[in-house]
C-alpha atoms as a PDB file:
ATOM      1  CA  MET A   1      14.965  16.639  -8.046  1.00  0.00           C
ATOM      2  CA  ILE A   2      13.822  13.492  -9.776  1.00  0.00           C
ATOM      3  CA  LYS A   3      14.379  13.344 -13.486  1.00  0.00           C
ATOM      4  CA  LEU A   4      12.724  11.185 -16.103  1.00  0.00           C
ATOM      5  CA  ASN A   5      14.841   8.672 -18.009  1.00  0.00           C
ATOM      6  CA  GLU A   6      17.714   9.375 -15.659  1.00  0.00           C
ATOM      7  CA  ASN A   7      16.875   8.389 -12.033  1.00  0.00           C
ATOM      8  CA  ASN A   8      15.999   4.822 -10.890  1.00  0.00           C
ATOM      9  CA  LYS A   9      14.198   3.213  -7.980  1.00  0.00           C
ATOM     10  CA  ASN A  10      17.332   3.494  -5.687  1.00  0.00           C
ATOM     11  CA  ASP A  11      17.433   7.307  -6.335  1.00  0.00           C
ATOM     12  CA  VAL A  12      13.748   7.605  -5.521  1.00  0.00           C
ATOM     13  CA  ILE A  13      14.093   5.629  -2.241  1.00  0.00           C
ATOM     14  CA  LYS A  14      17.000   7.846  -1.246  1.00  0.00           C
ATOM     15  CA  ILE A  15      15.019  11.073  -1.872  1.00  0.00           C
ATOM     16  CA  LEU A  16      11.387  10.044  -0.852  1.00  0.00           C
ATOM     17  CA  GLY A  17      11.879   6.866   1.182  1.00  0.00           C
ATOM     18  CA  ARG A  18       9.813   3.641   0.492  1.00  0.00           C
ATOM     19  CA  PRO A  19       6.648   3.922  -1.489  1.00  0.00           C
ATOM     20  CA  HIS A  20       3.299   3.860   0.151  1.00  0.00           C
ATOM     21  CA  ILE A  21       1.783   1.786  -2.647  1.00  0.00           C
ATOM     22  CA  ILE A  22       3.386  -0.485  -5.160  1.00  0.00           C
ATOM     23  CA  ASP A  23       1.393  -1.609  -8.154  1.00  0.00           C
ATOM     24  CA  LYS A  24       3.016  -4.512 -10.239  1.00  0.00           C
ATOM     25  CA  ASP A  25       0.132  -4.949 -12.697  1.00  0.00           C
ATOM     26  CA  LYS A  26       1.628  -4.424 -16.246  1.00  0.00           C
ATOM     27  CA  THR A  27       4.274  -1.858 -15.482  1.00  0.00           C
ATOM     28  CA  GLU A  28       5.692  -1.249 -12.074  1.00  0.00           C
ATOM     29  CA  LYS A  29       4.239   1.890 -10.536  1.00  0.00           C
ATOM     30  CA  TRP A  30       5.117   3.445  -7.170  1.00  0.00           C
ATOM     31  CA  PHE A  31       2.774   5.770  -5.443  1.00  0.00           C
ATOM     32  CA  TYR A  32       3.597   8.350  -2.683  1.00  0.00           C
ATOM     33  CA  LEU A  33       0.976   9.944  -0.638  1.00  0.00           C
ATOM     34  CA  GLU A  34       0.952  13.312   1.123  1.00  0.00           C
ATOM     35  CA  ARG A  35      -1.631  14.489   3.470  1.00  0.00           C
ATOM     36  CA  ILE A  36      -1.218  17.696   5.382  1.00  0.00           C
ATOM     37  CA  LEU A  37      -3.641  18.212   8.252  1.00  0.00           C
ATOM     38  CA  THR A  38      -4.015  21.267  10.525  1.00  0.00           C
ATOM     39  CA  ARG A  39      -6.225  21.848  13.599  1.00  0.00           C
ATOM     40  CA  ASP A  40      -9.410  23.534  12.709  1.00  0.00           C
ATOM     41  CA  ARG A  41     -10.888  26.110  15.064  1.00  0.00           C
ATOM     42  CA  VAL A  42      -9.884  26.306  18.752  1.00  0.00           C
ATOM     43  CA  TYR A  43     -13.395  25.308  20.018  1.00  0.00           C
ATOM     44  CA  LYS A  44     -13.274  22.025  17.937  1.00  0.00           C
ATOM     45  CA  ILE A  45     -10.945  19.977  19.994  1.00  0.00           C
ATOM     46  CA  ASN A  46      -9.047  17.284  18.196  1.00  0.00           C
ATOM     47  CA  LYS A  47     -10.740  18.153  14.856  1.00  0.00           C
ATOM     48  CA  LYS A  48      -8.275  18.391  12.010  1.00  0.00           C
ATOM     49  CA  LYS A  49      -8.828  20.101   8.581  1.00  0.00           C
ATOM     50  CA  LEU A  50      -7.303  18.614   5.379  1.00  0.00           C
ATOM     51  CA  LEU A  51      -5.008  21.278   3.736  1.00  0.00           C
ATOM     52  CA  GLU A  52      -3.281  19.172   1.147  1.00  0.00           C
ATOM     53  CA  ASN A  53      -3.954  15.721  -0.345  1.00  0.00           C
ATOM     54  CA  ASN A  54      -1.483  14.862  -3.121  1.00  0.00           C
ATOM     55  CA  VAL A  55      -0.270  11.738  -4.804  1.00  0.00           C
ATOM     56  CA  VAL A  56       2.850  11.195  -6.985  1.00  0.00           C
ATOM     57  CA  GLU A  57       3.012   8.247  -9.291  1.00  0.00           C
ATOM     58  CA  PHE A  58       6.263   6.967 -10.732  1.00  0.00           C
ATOM     59  CA  SER A  59       6.308   4.344 -13.495  1.00  0.00           C
ATOM     60  CA  PHE A  60       9.469   2.341 -14.069  1.00  0.00           C
ATOM     61  CA  ASN A  61      10.737   0.380 -17.123  1.00  0.00           C
ATOM     62  CA  LYS A  62      12.117  -3.194 -16.831  1.00  0.00           C
ATOM     63  CA  TYR A  63      15.575  -1.785 -15.836  1.00  0.00           C
ATOM     64  CA  GLY A  64      14.126   0.304 -12.954  1.00  0.00           C
ATOM     65  CA  VAL A  65      14.512   3.668 -14.628  1.00  0.00           C
ATOM     66  CA  ILE A  66      11.663   6.222 -14.370  1.00  0.00           C
ATOM     67  CA  TYR A  67       9.848   6.781 -17.607  1.00  0.00           C
ATOM     68  CA  SER A  68       6.725   8.550 -16.199  1.00  0.00           C
ATOM     69  CA  LYS A  69       5.864  10.787 -13.366  1.00  0.00           C
ATOM     70  CA  LYS A  70       2.433  12.038 -12.687  1.00  0.00           C
ATOM     71  CA  PHE A  71       1.185  14.385  -9.894  1.00  0.00           C
ATOM     72  CA  TYR A  72      -2.404  14.235  -8.636  1.00  0.00           C
ATOM     73  CA  ASN A  73      -4.026  16.815  -6.354  1.00  0.00           C
ATOM     74  CA  GLU A  74      -7.580  17.447  -5.273  1.00  0.00           C
ATOM     75  CA  ASP A  75      -8.543  18.611  -8.753  1.00  0.00           C
ATOM     76  CA  ASN A  76      -7.409  15.648 -10.693  1.00  0.00           C
ATOM     77  CA  MET A  77      -7.467  12.888  -8.115  1.00  0.00           C
ATOM     78  CA  ASN A  78     -10.332  11.125  -9.762  1.00  0.00           C
ATOM     79  CA  GLU A  79      -8.143  10.304 -12.676  1.00  0.00           C
ATOM     80  CA  ILE A  80      -6.407   7.519 -10.739  1.00  0.00           C
ATOM     81  CA  LYS A  81      -7.736   4.198 -11.880  1.00  0.00           C
ATOM     82  CA  PHE A  82      -8.270   1.618  -9.323  1.00  0.00           C
ATOM     83  CA  SER A  83      -8.671  -2.181  -9.952  1.00  0.00           C
ATOM     84  CA  LYS A  84     -12.071  -3.769  -9.187  1.00  0.00           C
ATOM     85  CA  GLU A  85     -10.449  -7.092  -8.433  1.00  0.00           C
ATOM     86  CA  VAL A  86     -10.760  -8.498  -5.027  1.00  0.00           C
ATOM     87  CA  THR A  87      -7.816  -9.970  -3.233  1.00  0.00           C
ATOM     88  CA  GLU A  88      -8.460 -13.377  -1.569  1.00  0.00           C
ATOM     89  CA  ASN A  89      -7.522 -13.740   2.054  1.00  0.00           C
ATOM     90  CA  ASN A  90      -5.841 -17.073   2.453  1.00  0.00           C
ATOM     91  CA  ILE A  91      -4.468 -16.087   5.822  1.00  0.00           C
ATOM     92  CA  SER A  92      -7.696 -17.106   7.591  1.00  0.00           C
ATOM     93  CA  GLU A  93      -7.628 -20.564   6.069  1.00  0.00           C
ATOM     94  CA  ARG A  94      -5.924 -23.051   8.261  1.00  0.00           C
ATOM     95  CA  SER A  95      -2.748 -24.664   7.024  1.00  0.00           C
ATOM     96  CA  PHE A  96      -2.008 -28.268   6.759  1.00  0.00           C
ATOM     97  CA  ILE A  97       0.126 -28.195   9.819  1.00  0.00           C
ATOM     98  CA  ALA A  98      -2.638 -26.374  11.808  1.00  0.00           C
ATOM     99  CA  ASN A  99      -5.229 -29.006  10.733  1.00  0.00           C
ATOM    100  CA  PHE A 100      -2.728 -31.738  11.570  1.00  0.00           C
ATOM    101  CA  LEU A 101      -1.972 -30.490  15.071  1.00  0.00           C
ATOM    102  CA  GLN A 102      -5.702 -29.959  15.695  1.00  0.00           C
ATOM    103  CA  SER A 103      -6.465 -33.520  14.883  1.00  0.00           C
ATOM    104  CA  VAL A 104      -3.671 -34.798  17.092  1.00  0.00           C
ATOM    105  CA  LYS A 105      -5.041 -32.547  20.024  1.00  0.00           C
ATOM    106  CA  GLN A 106      -8.477 -34.070  19.440  1.00  0.00           C
ATOM    107  CA  LYS A 107      -7.100 -37.545  19.675  1.00  0.00           C
ATOM    108  CA  MET A 108      -5.032 -36.943  22.718  1.00  0.00           C
ATOM    109  CA  TYR A 109      -7.934 -35.561  24.701  1.00  0.00           C
ATOM    110  CA  LYS A 110     -10.586 -37.960  23.287  1.00  0.00           C
ATOM    111  CA  GLY A 111     -10.322 -40.358  26.175  1.00  0.00           C
ATOM    112  CA  ILE A 112     -10.243 -37.691  28.901  1.00  0.00           C
ATOM    113  CA  GLY A 113     -13.542 -36.973  30.595  1.00  0.00           C
ATOM    114  CA  ASN A 114     -15.171 -40.383  29.561  1.00  0.00           C
END
C-alpha cells in the first residue's frame, strides 16, 4: 500500500512500475491509467466493452515524497485539468547538419546531367 508523506518515487515504481504520464508543471505529478476491457456479446466479433477506466494521480514534493494521492473513475474523471498549451514539433525541422549535407549533395550532383 502506498502511504502519503512516507513513500517516495522509488517505492511507487517498485509497486506500480513506471508512470504512464509525468507532469512537471509546478509540482511533479505522476499519472497511472487503468483500463479493463472485456469482449461484448459473442456475435460482435472483436468488439470490446470498457468495464473500468481509472486514473491515479500522485503529487511529489521537492524531495520526491508523495504528499497527495487522488483517484479518478468514470464519475469524477472530468475533474482532471488538462493544459491548453500546444507542444511545438521541432523534430520535423531539419538540423544544421541535415541542411549542410543537403547542400553538399546538391553541389556534388550539380554538374551531372549537364
